[in-house]
Amino acid sequence: MKRKEKKFGDPLSLDVYSMQGTVVSSRQLPPEIFSVPIKEELVHFVVTAQDANARKGTATTKGKGEVRGGGKKPWKQKGTGRARHGSIRSPLWRGGGITFGPRGNQNWSVKINKKVKRKALCMVLSDRAAGHALILLDGLQFENPKTKEAHAFLGRLPLAPAGKRMPRTGIVIPSKQIALRRSMRNIPRVEVLSPASLNVRDTLKCSKIIMSLSSLDEIIALLGEKKE
């Protein structure tokens, strides 16, 4: 049987900016990563699975035998006219134990196949690229960690119209660029991401994505399909 050919959109070409905010060149993006048709159901499944996998499941309650107090019988068994009770820490009493409460061993994890996770991330990246929310830089390097320089650098990029508040922006930085990470991490509404840990949820949270060509090449190498 012949394999079905995978259908992708037309290749996209985006402008490449310098750190001064000027267009210096353009870059064509591979369609198998940045021109993937979007399926909302698949993206929704991956995001909800990520949220479920982030749950710790540490909520716990105490049963009747774990609540402090209640060692003495509140009143004698017969002759009082009241219902018989053996402990004030019964689940029927205020302050008593909890019946069938969480025990701290909940497992909320959901399995996500690698191919599904990869495809969903390609869909989100394709959406950002098609909406011109992906900004490419020819180079991104700071000699010293200075937040003031990072603010000025972001102000030179086409992130928001004049007078408008900067949208939530994700900047994809290689893990080795420590000075750049320290410059960006204190800026409000800026998420510092890395190519190796880029995921669907973090990408969706950001209205704009900034990445250098080196980060782009790393993402393409990570998400590129292996030839069988």
N, C-alpha and C. Protein backbone atom coordinates (compact mmCIF):
# COMPACT_ATOMS: atom_id res chain seq x y z
N MET A 1 0.83 -1.20 0.00
CA MET A 1 0.00 0.00 0.00
C MET A 1 0.87 1.26 0.00
N LYS A 2 0.42 2.22 -0.78
CA LYS A 2 1.16 3.48 -0.81
C LYS A 2 0.75 4.35 0.38
N ARG A 3 1.74 5.03 0.92
CA ARG A 3 1.44 5.95 2.02
C ARG A 3 0.74 7.19 1.49
N LYS A 4 -0.17 7.70 2.28
CA LYS A 4 -0.85 8.92 1.89
C LYS A 4 0.11 10.10 2.06
N GLU A 5 0.13 10.96 1.08
CA GLU A 5 0.99 12.14 1.16
C GLU A 5 0.41 13.12 2.18
N LYS A 6 1.29 13.63 3.01
CA LYS A 6 0.84 14.57 4.03
C LYS A 6 0.61 15.94 3.40
N LYS A 7 -0.52 16.52 3.73
CA LYS A 7 -0.88 17.81 3.15
C LYS A 7 -0.49 18.93 4.11
N PHE A 8 0.31 19.86 3.60
CA PHE A 8 0.69 21.04 4.36
C PHE A 8 0.30 22.27 3.56
N GLY A 9 0.23 23.39 4.24
CA GLY A 9 -0.05 24.64 3.55
C GLY A 9 1.15 25.13 2.77
N ASP A 10 0.97 26.27 2.13
CA ASP A 10 2.08 26.86 1.38
C ASP A 10 3.18 27.31 2.34
N PRO A 11 4.44 27.19 1.92
CA PRO A 11 5.55 27.65 2.79
C PRO A 11 5.43 29.13 3.10
N LEU A 12 5.72 29.49 4.33
CA LEU A 12 5.67 30.88 4.76
C LEU A 12 7.06 31.48 4.76
N SER A 13 7.12 32.75 4.47
CA SER A 13 8.38 33.48 4.52
C SER A 13 8.19 34.68 5.44
N LEU A 14 9.04 34.79 6.46
CA LEU A 14 8.93 35.87 7.45
C LEU A 14 10.15 36.77 7.39
N ASP A 15 9.93 38.03 7.75
CA ASP A 15 11.04 38.97 7.83
C ASP A 15 11.92 38.64 9.02
N VAL A 16 13.21 38.91 8.86
CA VAL A 16 14.18 38.71 9.93
C VAL A 16 14.67 40.09 10.38
N TYR A 17 14.53 40.36 11.67
CA TYR A 17 14.89 41.66 12.22
C TYR A 17 16.26 41.61 12.88
N SER A 18 16.87 42.76 12.96
CA SER A 18 18.09 42.91 13.75
C SER A 18 17.71 43.36 15.15
N MET A 19 18.67 43.44 16.04
CA MET A 19 18.39 43.88 17.40
C MET A 19 18.05 45.36 17.46
N GLN A 20 18.29 46.08 16.36
CA GLN A 20 17.91 47.49 16.29
C GLN A 20 16.50 47.68 15.75
N GLY A 21 15.83 46.58 15.39
CA GLY A 21 14.45 46.66 14.96
C GLY A 21 14.26 46.87 13.47
N THR A 22 15.30 46.72 12.67
CA THR A 22 15.20 46.89 11.22
C THR A 22 15.18 45.52 10.53
N VAL A 23 14.51 45.46 9.40
CA VAL A 23 14.44 44.22 8.63
C VAL A 23 15.74 44.07 7.84
N VAL A 24 16.40 42.95 8.01
CA VAL A 24 17.70 42.73 7.36
C VAL A 24 17.61 41.64 6.30
N SER A 25 16.66 40.72 6.42
CA SER A 25 16.54 39.65 5.44
C SER A 25 15.18 38.97 5.63
N SER A 26 14.99 37.83 4.99
CA SER A 26 13.78 37.04 5.15
C SER A 26 14.17 35.58 5.26
N ARG A 27 13.28 34.80 5.85
CA ARG A 27 13.57 33.37 6.05
C ARG A 27 12.31 32.58 5.71
N GLN A 28 12.50 31.57 4.86
CA GLN A 28 11.39 30.69 4.52
C GLN A 28 11.33 29.57 5.54
N LEU A 29 10.12 29.31 6.04
CA LEU A 29 9.93 28.32 7.09
C LEU A 29 9.51 26.99 6.49
N PRO A 30 9.97 25.88 7.06
CA PRO A 30 9.59 24.57 6.53
C PRO A 30 8.09 24.32 6.73
N PRO A 31 7.38 23.92 5.67
CA PRO A 31 5.92 23.76 5.79
C PRO A 31 5.51 22.62 6.70
N GLU A 32 6.36 21.60 6.90
CA GLU A 32 5.98 20.48 7.76
C GLU A 32 5.95 20.86 9.23
N ILE A 33 6.43 22.06 9.57
CA ILE A 33 6.41 22.53 10.96
C ILE A 33 5.57 23.80 11.10
N PHE A 34 5.67 24.71 10.14
CA PHE A 34 5.04 26.02 10.26
C PHE A 34 3.88 26.24 9.30
N SER A 35 3.42 25.20 8.62
CA SER A 35 2.24 25.32 7.75
C SER A 35 1.33 24.11 7.95
N VAL A 36 1.16 23.69 9.19
CA VAL A 36 0.35 22.52 9.51
C VAL A 36 -1.09 22.97 9.78
N PRO A 37 -2.08 22.37 9.12
CA PRO A 37 -3.48 22.73 9.40
C PRO A 37 -3.83 22.47 10.87
N ILE A 38 -4.58 23.37 11.44
CA ILE A 38 -4.86 23.32 12.88
C ILE A 38 -6.13 22.51 13.15
N LYS A 39 -6.03 21.63 14.13
CA LYS A 39 -7.18 20.88 14.64
C LYS A 39 -7.34 21.25 16.11
N GLU A 40 -8.41 21.98 16.40
CA GLU A 40 -8.61 22.49 17.75
C GLU A 40 -8.75 21.36 18.77
N GLU A 41 -9.38 20.25 18.35
CA GLU A 41 -9.57 19.14 19.29
C GLU A 41 -8.23 18.57 19.75
N LEU A 42 -7.29 18.45 18.84
CA LEU A 42 -5.99 17.89 19.19
C LEU A 42 -5.22 18.82 20.12
N VAL A 43 -5.25 20.12 19.81
CA VAL A 43 -4.55 21.10 20.65
C VAL A 43 -5.19 21.14 22.04
N HIS A 44 -6.52 21.08 22.09
CA HIS A 44 -7.22 21.10 23.38
C HIS A 44 -6.84 19.87 24.21
N PHE A 45 -6.76 18.72 23.58
CA PHE A 45 -6.40 17.51 24.31
C PHE A 45 -5.00 17.62 24.91
N VAL A 46 -4.05 18.13 24.14
CA VAL A 46 -2.67 18.23 24.64
C VAL A 46 -2.58 19.23 25.79
N VAL A 47 -3.30 20.35 25.69
CA VAL A 47 -3.25 21.36 26.76
C VAL A 47 -3.86 20.81 28.04
N THR A 48 -5.03 20.18 27.94
CA THR A 48 -5.66 19.62 29.14
C THR A 48 -4.82 18.48 29.72
N ALA A 49 -4.16 17.71 28.87
CA ALA A 49 -3.28 16.66 29.38
C ALA A 49 -2.07 17.25 30.09
N GLN A 50 -1.52 18.34 29.58
CA GLN A 50 -0.42 19.01 30.26
C GLN A 50 -0.85 19.53 31.63
N ASP A 51 -2.03 20.12 31.69
CA ASP A 51 -2.54 20.60 32.98
C ASP A 51 -2.74 19.44 33.95
N ALA A 52 -3.26 18.33 33.45
CA ALA A 52 -3.47 17.17 34.32
C ALA A 52 -2.14 16.60 34.81
N ASN A 53 -1.13 16.56 33.95
CA ASN A 53 0.17 16.04 34.36
C ASN A 53 0.88 16.95 35.35
N ALA A 54 0.49 18.23 35.37
CA ALA A 54 1.11 19.16 36.32
C ALA A 54 0.49 19.07 37.71
N ARG A 55 -0.64 18.39 37.85
CA ARG A 55 -1.29 18.27 39.16
C ARG A 55 -0.47 17.33 40.05
N LYS A 56 -0.27 17.74 41.27
CA LYS A 56 0.55 16.97 42.20
C LYS A 56 -0.22 15.83 42.85
N GLY A 57 -1.51 16.02 43.09
CA GLY A 57 -2.29 14.98 43.75
C GLY A 57 -1.89 14.78 45.20
N THR A 58 -1.55 15.87 45.89
CA THR A 58 -1.10 15.78 47.28
C THR A 58 -2.19 16.13 48.29
N ALA A 59 -3.40 16.42 47.83
CA ALA A 59 -4.49 16.73 48.76
C ALA A 59 -4.80 15.50 49.62
N THR A 60 -4.94 15.72 50.92
CA THR A 60 -5.19 14.60 51.82
C THR A 60 -6.09 15.04 52.97
N THR A 61 -6.84 14.10 53.50
CA THR A 61 -7.71 14.35 54.65
C THR A 61 -7.47 13.25 55.68
N LYS A 62 -7.94 13.50 56.89
CA LYS A 62 -7.77 12.54 57.98
C LYS A 62 -9.06 11.76 58.20
N GLY A 63 -8.89 10.49 58.44
CA GLY A 63 -10.03 9.65 58.76
C GLY A 63 -10.35 9.68 60.25
N LYS A 64 -11.28 8.86 60.65
CA LYS A 64 -11.72 8.85 62.05
C LYS A 64 -10.59 8.48 63.00
N GLY A 65 -9.74 7.57 62.58
CA GLY A 65 -8.65 7.14 63.45
C GLY A 65 -7.47 8.07 63.47
N GLU A 66 -7.45 9.11 62.62
CA GLU A 66 -6.31 10.02 62.54
C GLU A 66 -6.58 11.38 63.17
N VAL A 67 -7.87 11.73 63.36
CA VAL A 67 -8.20 13.01 63.94
C VAL A 67 -7.89 13.00 65.44
N ARG A 68 -7.33 14.10 65.91
CA ARG A 68 -6.95 14.16 67.32
C ARG A 68 -8.17 14.24 68.22
N GLY A 69 -8.10 13.57 69.36
CA GLY A 69 -9.18 13.60 70.35
C GLY A 69 -10.18 12.48 70.13
N GLY A 70 -11.22 12.50 70.94
CA GLY A 70 -12.28 11.52 70.78
C GLY A 70 -12.01 10.18 71.42
N GLY A 71 -11.09 10.14 72.36
CA GLY A 71 -10.81 8.85 72.98
C GLY A 71 -11.86 8.42 73.99
N LYS A 72 -12.55 9.39 74.54
CA LYS A 72 -13.56 9.08 75.56
C LYS A 72 -14.94 9.02 74.93
N LYS A 73 -15.73 8.08 75.39
CA LYS A 73 -17.12 8.00 74.92
C LYS A 73 -17.87 9.23 75.40
N PRO A 74 -18.57 9.95 74.51
CA PRO A 74 -19.18 11.23 74.91
C PRO A 74 -20.23 11.09 76.01
N TRP A 75 -21.00 10.06 76.02
CA TRP A 75 -21.95 9.77 77.10
C TRP A 75 -22.22 8.28 77.13
N LYS A 76 -22.84 7.87 78.18
CA LYS A 76 -23.05 6.43 78.34
C LYS A 76 -24.00 5.90 77.26
N GLN A 77 -23.93 4.61 77.11
CA GLN A 77 -24.65 3.98 76.00
C GLN A 77 -26.16 4.12 76.13
N LYS A 78 -26.70 3.93 77.33
CA LYS A 78 -28.15 3.91 77.51
C LYS A 78 -28.57 4.88 78.61
N GLY A 79 -29.84 5.22 78.59
CA GLY A 79 -30.42 5.99 79.68
C GLY A 79 -30.44 7.48 79.49
N THR A 80 -29.80 8.02 78.48
CA THR A 80 -29.77 9.48 78.30
C THR A 80 -30.86 9.97 77.34
N GLY A 81 -31.42 9.07 76.58
CA GLY A 81 -32.42 9.49 75.59
C GLY A 81 -31.81 9.98 74.30
N ARG A 82 -30.50 10.04 74.23
CA ARG A 82 -29.84 10.50 73.02
C ARG A 82 -29.31 9.31 72.21
N ALA A 83 -28.98 9.61 70.99
CA ALA A 83 -28.44 8.55 70.13
C ALA A 83 -27.09 8.10 70.66
N ARG A 84 -26.79 6.84 70.48
CA ARG A 84 -25.54 6.30 71.01
C ARG A 84 -24.37 6.70 70.11
N HIS A 85 -23.27 7.11 70.76
CA HIS A 85 -22.04 7.50 70.05
C HIS A 85 -20.86 6.96 70.82
N GLY A 86 -19.83 6.58 70.06
CA GLY A 86 -18.63 6.08 70.71
C GLY A 86 -17.48 7.06 70.68
N SER A 87 -17.53 8.08 69.82
CA SER A 87 -16.44 9.04 69.71
C SER A 87 -16.96 10.33 69.11
N ILE A 88 -16.43 11.43 69.60
CA ILE A 88 -16.81 12.73 69.04
C ILE A 88 -16.09 12.98 67.72
N ARG A 89 -15.16 12.10 67.32
CA ARG A 89 -14.45 12.25 66.06
C ARG A 89 -15.03 11.36 64.96
N SER A 90 -16.25 10.91 65.16
CA SER A 90 -16.95 10.19 64.12
C SER A 90 -17.23 11.12 62.93
N PRO A 91 -17.28 10.62 61.73
CA PRO A 91 -17.61 11.48 60.58
C PRO A 91 -18.95 12.18 60.71
N LEU A 92 -19.82 11.73 61.62
CA LEU A 92 -21.11 12.39 61.80
C LEU A 92 -20.98 13.67 62.61
N TRP A 93 -19.85 13.84 63.27
CA TRP A 93 -19.68 14.99 64.15
C TRP A 93 -18.87 16.09 63.45
N ARG A 94 -19.16 17.32 63.86
CA ARG A 94 -18.36 18.44 63.37
C ARG A 94 -16.93 18.32 63.91
N GLY A 95 -15.96 18.44 63.02
CA GLY A 95 -14.58 18.27 63.43
C GLY A 95 -14.12 16.82 63.42
N GLY A 96 -14.99 15.93 62.98
CA GLY A 96 -14.63 14.53 62.94
C GLY A 96 -13.87 14.16 61.68
N GLY A 97 -13.64 12.88 61.52
CA GLY A 97 -12.92 12.41 60.35
C GLY A 97 -13.73 12.56 59.07
N ILE A 98 -13.04 12.43 57.96
CA ILE A 98 -13.67 12.58 56.65
C ILE A 98 -13.84 11.19 56.04
N THR A 99 -15.03 10.94 55.54
CA THR A 99 -15.32 9.66 54.90
C THR A 99 -15.01 9.74 53.42
N PHE A 100 -14.21 8.80 52.94
CA PHE A 100 -13.86 8.70 51.52
C PHE A 100 -13.22 9.98 50.99
N GLY A 101 -12.43 10.65 51.81
CA GLY A 101 -11.73 11.85 51.36
C GLY A 101 -10.45 11.52 50.61
N PRO A 102 -9.82 12.51 49.98
CA PRO A 102 -8.55 12.26 49.28
C PRO A 102 -7.46 11.82 50.24
N ARG A 103 -6.60 10.92 49.79
CA ARG A 103 -5.58 10.35 50.65
C ARG A 103 -4.17 10.69 50.21
N GLY A 104 -4.02 11.62 49.28
CA GLY A 104 -2.69 12.03 48.85
C GLY A 104 -2.04 11.10 47.86
N ASN A 105 -2.77 10.19 47.29
CA ASN A 105 -2.19 9.25 46.32
C ASN A 105 -2.91 9.32 44.98
N GLN A 106 -3.52 10.47 44.69
CA GLN A 106 -4.23 10.60 43.42
C GLN A 106 -3.23 10.69 42.26
N ASN A 107 -3.57 10.07 41.18
CA ASN A 107 -2.73 10.11 39.99
C ASN A 107 -3.56 10.67 38.84
N TRP A 108 -3.24 11.91 38.46
CA TRP A 108 -4.02 12.58 37.41
C TRP A 108 -3.31 12.53 36.06
N SER A 109 -2.23 11.83 35.95
CA SER A 109 -1.42 11.87 34.73
C SER A 109 -2.17 11.29 33.54
N VAL A 110 -1.92 11.89 32.39
CA VAL A 110 -2.52 11.45 31.12
C VAL A 110 -1.37 11.23 30.13
N LYS A 111 -1.40 10.10 29.46
CA LYS A 111 -0.34 9.81 28.51
C LYS A 111 -0.55 10.59 27.22
N ILE A 112 0.53 11.21 26.75
CA ILE A 112 0.51 11.92 25.47
C ILE A 112 1.57 11.28 24.59
N ASN A 113 1.16 10.77 23.45
CA ASN A 113 2.13 10.21 22.53
C ASN A 113 3.05 11.31 21.98
N LYS A 114 4.28 10.93 21.71
CA LYS A 114 5.26 11.91 21.23
C LYS A 114 4.83 12.54 19.91
N LYS A 115 4.26 11.73 19.02
CA LYS A 115 3.84 12.26 17.72
C LYS A 115 2.68 13.23 17.88
N VAL A 116 1.78 12.94 18.82
CA VAL A 116 0.65 13.84 19.07
C VAL A 116 1.14 15.16 19.65
N LYS A 117 2.07 15.08 20.59
CA LYS A 117 2.60 16.29 21.20
C LYS A 117 3.34 17.14 20.16
N ARG A 118 4.12 16.48 19.31
CA ARG A 118 4.86 17.19 18.27
C ARG A 118 3.90 17.87 17.29
N LYS A 119 2.87 17.13 16.87
CA LYS A 119 1.93 17.68 15.89
C LYS A 119 1.17 18.87 16.46
N ALA A 120 0.76 18.79 17.72
CA ALA A 120 0.04 19.90 18.34
C ALA A 120 0.94 21.14 18.44
N LEU A 121 2.21 20.94 18.78
CA LEU A 121 3.13 22.08 18.85
C LEU A 121 3.35 22.69 17.47
N CYS A 122 3.44 21.86 16.45
CA CYS A 122 3.58 22.38 15.09
C CYS A 122 2.34 23.18 14.68
N MET A 123 1.16 22.74 15.12
CA MET A 123 -0.06 23.47 14.81
C MET A 123 -0.06 24.86 15.44
N VAL A 124 0.36 24.92 16.70
CA VAL A 124 0.37 26.22 17.40
C VAL A 124 1.42 27.14 16.77
N LEU A 125 2.59 26.60 16.46
CA LEU A 125 3.62 27.42 15.80
C LEU A 125 3.15 27.88 14.43
N SER A 126 2.42 27.02 13.73
CA SER A 126 1.88 27.42 12.42
C SER A 126 0.89 28.55 12.56
N ASP A 127 0.07 28.50 13.61
CA ASP A 127 -0.90 29.56 13.85
C ASP A 127 -0.20 30.88 14.16
N ARG A 128 0.85 30.83 14.98
CA ARG A 128 1.58 32.06 15.30
C ARG A 128 2.29 32.61 14.06
N ALA A 129 2.85 31.74 13.24
CA ALA A 129 3.54 32.20 12.04
C ALA A 129 2.56 32.79 11.03
N ALA A 130 1.40 32.14 10.85
CA ALA A 130 0.40 32.64 9.89
C ALA A 130 -0.18 33.98 10.34
N GLY A 131 -0.28 34.21 11.63
CA GLY A 131 -0.80 35.46 12.15
C GLY A 131 0.23 36.53 12.36
N HIS A 132 1.44 36.33 11.82
CA HIS A 132 2.55 37.28 11.97
C HIS A 132 2.84 37.59 13.43
N ALA A 133 2.64 36.59 14.28
CA ALA A 133 2.95 36.73 15.69
C ALA A 133 4.30 36.11 16.03
N LEU A 134 5.00 35.61 15.02
CA LEU A 134 6.34 35.03 15.19
C LEU A 134 7.36 36.02 14.64
N ILE A 135 8.26 36.47 15.49
CA ILE A 135 9.27 37.46 15.11
C ILE A 135 10.64 36.80 15.14
N LEU A 136 11.33 36.85 14.02
CA LEU A 136 12.65 36.24 13.89
C LEU A 136 13.74 37.31 13.98
N LEU A 137 14.84 36.95 14.62
CA LEU A 137 15.98 37.84 14.78
C LEU A 137 17.21 37.20 14.17
N ASP A 138 18.05 38.02 13.53
CA ASP A 138 19.27 37.47 12.95
C ASP A 138 20.28 37.09 14.02
N GLY A 139 20.19 37.74 15.16
CA GLY A 139 21.08 37.43 16.28
C GLY A 139 20.49 37.99 17.56
N LEU A 140 20.78 37.33 18.66
CA LEU A 140 20.25 37.76 19.96
C LEU A 140 21.30 37.45 21.02
N GLN A 141 21.98 38.50 21.44
CA GLN A 141 23.08 38.30 22.39
C GLN A 141 23.28 39.55 23.23
N PHE A 142 23.36 39.38 24.54
CA PHE A 142 23.70 40.46 25.46
C PHE A 142 25.02 40.12 26.14
N GLU A 143 25.91 41.11 26.21
CA GLU A 143 27.18 40.87 26.88
C GLU A 143 27.01 40.80 28.39
N ASN A 144 26.19 41.71 28.93
CA ASN A 144 25.95 41.76 30.37
C ASN A 144 24.46 41.71 30.64
N PRO A 145 24.04 41.10 31.74
CA PRO A 145 22.60 41.06 32.07
C PRO A 145 22.08 42.41 32.55
N LYS A 146 21.40 43.13 31.66
CA LYS A 146 20.86 44.44 32.00
C LYS A 146 19.41 44.51 31.54
N THR A 147 18.50 44.66 32.49
CA THR A 147 17.08 44.72 32.17
C THR A 147 16.74 45.97 31.38
N LYS A 148 17.47 47.06 31.62
CA LYS A 148 17.20 48.31 30.89
C LYS A 148 17.45 48.13 29.40
N GLU A 149 18.52 47.45 29.06
CA GLU A 149 18.81 47.19 27.65
C GLU A 149 17.76 46.25 27.04
N ALA A 150 17.29 45.30 27.83
CA ALA A 150 16.27 44.38 27.34
C ALA A 150 14.96 45.12 27.06
N HIS A 151 14.60 46.07 27.92
CA HIS A 151 13.40 46.89 27.70
C HIS A 151 13.53 47.67 26.40
N ALA A 152 14.68 48.30 26.20
CA ALA A 152 14.89 49.09 24.99
C ALA A 152 14.86 48.21 23.74
N PHE A 153 15.41 47.02 23.85
CA PHE A 153 15.42 46.09 22.72
C PHE A 153 14.01 45.67 22.34
N LEU A 154 13.18 45.34 23.32
CA LEU A 154 11.80 44.94 23.03
C LEU A 154 10.99 46.09 22.46
N GLY A 155 11.31 47.32 22.88
CA GLY A 155 10.59 48.48 22.36
C GLY A 155 10.86 48.75 20.89
N ARG A 156 11.96 48.24 20.37
CA ARG A 156 12.29 48.44 18.96
C ARG A 156 11.65 47.41 18.04
N LEU A 157 11.07 46.38 18.59
CA LEU A 157 10.45 45.33 17.78
C LEU A 157 8.96 45.60 17.58
N PRO A 158 8.38 45.11 16.49
CA PRO A 158 6.94 45.35 16.22
C PRO A 158 6.05 44.43 17.05
N LEU A 159 6.03 44.68 18.36
CA LEU A 159 5.23 43.84 19.25
C LEU A 159 3.82 44.40 19.45
N ALA A 160 3.70 45.72 19.53
CA ALA A 160 2.40 46.34 19.78
C ALA A 160 2.37 47.71 19.12
N PRO A 161 1.18 48.18 18.72
CA PRO A 161 1.07 49.54 18.17
C PRO A 161 1.50 50.60 19.19
N ALA A 162 1.82 51.76 18.68
CA ALA A 162 2.26 52.84 19.55
C ALA A 162 1.17 53.20 20.55
N GLY A 163 1.55 53.30 21.80
CA GLY A 163 0.62 53.65 22.85
C GLY A 163 -0.12 52.48 23.45
N LYS A 164 0.05 51.29 22.89
CA LYS A 164 -0.61 50.11 23.41
C LYS A 164 0.33 49.33 24.32
N ARG A 165 -0.27 48.60 25.26
CA ARG A 165 0.52 47.79 26.17
C ARG A 165 1.10 46.58 25.43
N MET A 166 2.33 46.26 25.76
CA MET A 166 2.97 45.12 25.12
C MET A 166 2.24 43.84 25.47
N PRO A 167 1.92 43.01 24.50
CA PRO A 167 1.22 41.75 24.79
C PRO A 167 2.15 40.77 25.49
N ARG A 168 1.57 39.71 26.02
CA ARG A 168 2.40 38.67 26.62
C ARG A 168 3.28 38.05 25.54
N THR A 169 4.56 38.09 25.77
CA THR A 169 5.53 37.72 24.75
C THR A 169 6.42 36.61 25.27
N GLY A 170 6.61 35.60 24.44
CA GLY A 170 7.55 34.54 24.76
C GLY A 170 8.81 34.70 23.94
N ILE A 171 9.94 34.68 24.59
CA ILE A 171 11.21 34.81 23.91
C ILE A 171 11.98 33.51 24.07
N VAL A 172 12.28 32.87 22.95
CA VAL A 172 12.93 31.57 22.95
C VAL A 172 14.44 31.79 22.96
N ILE A 173 15.07 31.40 24.06
CA ILE A 173 16.50 31.66 24.27
C ILE A 173 17.20 30.34 24.52
N PRO A 174 18.31 30.08 23.86
CA PRO A 174 19.09 28.88 24.18
C PRO A 174 19.56 28.90 25.63
N SER A 175 19.64 27.75 26.24
CA SER A 175 19.95 27.67 27.67
C SER A 175 21.34 28.20 28.00
N LYS A 176 22.23 28.25 27.03
CA LYS A 176 23.60 28.70 27.32
C LYS A 176 23.71 30.21 27.47
N GLN A 177 22.76 30.97 26.97
CA GLN A 177 22.83 32.43 27.03
C GLN A 177 22.30 32.92 28.38
N ILE A 178 23.14 32.83 29.38
CA ILE A 178 22.73 33.16 30.75
C ILE A 178 22.46 34.65 30.90
N ALA A 179 23.32 35.49 30.32
CA ALA A 179 23.15 36.94 30.45
C ALA A 179 21.83 37.39 29.84
N LEU A 180 21.47 36.81 28.71
CA LEU A 180 20.20 37.17 28.07
C LEU A 180 19.01 36.73 28.90
N ARG A 181 19.10 35.55 29.49
CA ARG A 181 18.02 35.06 30.34
C ARG A 181 17.83 35.96 31.55
N ARG A 182 18.92 36.36 32.18
CA ARG A 182 18.82 37.23 33.35
C ARG A 182 18.29 38.61 32.99
N SER A 183 18.53 39.06 31.77
CA SER A 183 18.04 40.37 31.36
C SER A 183 16.54 40.36 31.14
N MET A 184 16.00 39.23 30.72
CA MET A 184 14.59 39.16 30.35
C MET A 184 13.67 38.70 31.47
N ARG A 185 14.19 38.01 32.47
CA ARG A 185 13.31 37.33 33.42
C ARG A 185 12.58 38.27 34.36
N ASN A 186 13.03 39.54 34.49
CA ASN A 186 12.36 40.47 35.40
C ASN A 186 11.40 41.40 34.68
N ILE A 187 11.22 41.23 33.39
CA ILE A 187 10.33 42.10 32.63
C ILE A 187 8.91 41.54 32.69
N PRO A 188 7.93 42.36 33.08
CA PRO A 188 6.54 41.86 33.14
C PRO A 188 6.05 41.44 31.77
N ARG A 189 5.19 40.42 31.76
CA ARG A 189 4.53 39.93 30.55
C ARG A 189 5.51 39.35 29.53
N VAL A 190 6.66 38.92 30.01
CA VAL A 190 7.64 38.27 29.14
C VAL A 190 7.95 36.89 29.71
N GLU A 191 7.76 35.87 28.90
CA GLU A 191 8.05 34.49 29.29
C GLU A 191 9.35 34.05 28.61
N VAL A 192 10.30 33.60 29.41
CA VAL A 192 11.57 33.11 28.87
C VAL A 192 11.43 31.61 28.62
N LEU A 193 11.57 31.21 27.38
CA LEU A 193 11.42 29.82 26.97
C LEU A 193 12.73 29.31 26.37
N SER A 194 12.83 28.01 26.25
CA SER A 194 14.00 27.39 25.63
C SER A 194 13.52 26.46 24.52
N PRO A 195 14.31 26.28 23.47
CA PRO A 195 13.86 25.43 22.35
C PRO A 195 13.59 24.00 22.77
N ALA A 196 14.40 23.45 23.67
CA ALA A 196 14.25 22.05 24.04
C ALA A 196 12.98 21.80 24.85
N SER A 197 12.53 22.79 25.63
CA SER A 197 11.36 22.60 26.49
C SER A 197 10.13 23.34 25.98
N LEU A 198 10.15 23.78 24.73
CA LEU A 198 9.00 24.49 24.17
C LEU A 198 7.80 23.54 24.10
N ASN A 199 6.65 23.99 24.59
CA ASN A 199 5.47 23.15 24.62
C ASN A 199 4.24 23.93 24.19
N VAL A 200 3.15 23.22 24.03
CA VAL A 200 1.93 23.81 23.49
C VAL A 200 1.35 24.85 24.43
N ARG A 201 1.30 24.55 25.71
CA ARG A 201 0.66 25.43 26.67
C ARG A 201 1.38 26.78 26.76
N ASP A 202 2.71 26.74 26.88
CA ASP A 202 3.47 27.98 26.99
C ASP A 202 3.38 28.79 25.70
N THR A 203 3.34 28.12 24.57
CA THR A 203 3.24 28.84 23.30
C THR A 203 1.88 29.51 23.15
N LEU A 204 0.81 28.84 23.60
CA LEU A 204 -0.51 29.43 23.51
C LEU A 204 -0.68 30.62 24.45
N LYS A 205 0.01 30.60 25.58
CA LYS A 205 -0.10 31.70 26.54
C LYS A 205 0.43 33.00 25.98
N CYS A 206 1.35 32.92 25.02
CA CYS A 206 2.04 34.10 24.51
C CYS A 206 1.40 34.54 23.19
N SER A 207 1.05 35.83 23.11
CA SER A 207 0.49 36.37 21.88
C SER A 207 1.56 36.60 20.83
N LYS A 208 2.79 36.83 21.27
CA LYS A 208 3.92 37.03 20.36
C LYS A 208 5.05 36.08 20.77
N ILE A 209 5.76 35.58 19.78
CA ILE A 209 6.90 34.70 20.01
C ILE A 209 8.11 35.30 19.31
N ILE A 210 9.19 35.48 20.07
CA ILE A 210 10.45 36.00 19.53
C ILE A 210 11.48 34.88 19.59
N MET A 211 12.18 34.68 18.49
CA MET A 211 13.27 33.70 18.52
C MET A 211 14.33 34.09 17.50
N SER A 212 15.56 33.77 17.84
CA SER A 212 16.66 34.02 16.92
C SER A 212 16.72 32.91 15.89
N LEU A 213 17.50 33.12 14.85
CA LEU A 213 17.63 32.10 13.81
C LEU A 213 18.29 30.84 14.36
N SER A 214 19.19 31.00 15.33
CA SER A 214 19.81 29.81 15.93
C SER A 214 18.78 29.01 16.71
N SER A 215 17.87 29.68 17.45
CA SER A 215 16.80 28.98 18.15
C SER A 215 15.84 28.33 17.17
N LEU A 216 15.57 29.02 16.06
CA LEU A 216 14.70 28.45 15.04
C LEU A 216 15.29 27.17 14.46
N ASP A 217 16.59 27.20 14.17
CA ASP A 217 17.24 26.00 13.63
C ASP A 217 17.20 24.84 14.63
N GLU A 218 17.32 25.18 15.92
CA GLU A 218 17.27 24.14 16.94
C GLU A 218 15.87 23.53 17.03
N ILE A 219 14.85 24.38 16.92
CA ILE A 219 13.47 23.89 16.95
C ILE A 219 13.19 23.02 15.73
N ILE A 220 13.67 23.44 14.57
CA ILE A 220 13.46 22.65 13.35
C ILE A 220 14.14 21.29 13.48
N ALA A 221 15.34 21.26 14.08
CA ALA A 221 16.03 20.00 14.26
C ALA A 221 15.29 19.09 15.24
N LEU A 222 14.65 19.68 16.26
CA LEU A 222 13.93 18.88 17.26
C LEU A 222 12.60 18.37 16.73
N LEU A 223 11.90 19.20 15.95
CA LEU A 223 10.56 18.84 15.48
C LEU A 223 10.56 18.21 14.09
N GLY A 224 11.70 18.22 13.43
CA GLY A 224 11.75 17.64 12.10
C GLY A 224 11.47 16.16 12.13
N GLU A 225 10.72 15.68 11.18
CA GLU A 225 10.37 14.28 11.12
C GLU A 225 11.58 13.44 10.73
N LYS A 226 11.75 12.31 11.39
CA LYS A 226 12.82 11.40 11.08
C LYS A 226 12.45 10.59 9.84
N LYS A 227 13.39 10.48 8.94
CA LYS A 227 13.15 9.68 7.73
C LYS A 227 13.29 8.21 8.05
N GLU A 228 12.29 7.45 7.69
CA GLU A 228 12.31 6.02 7.96
C GLU A 228 12.92 5.26 6.78
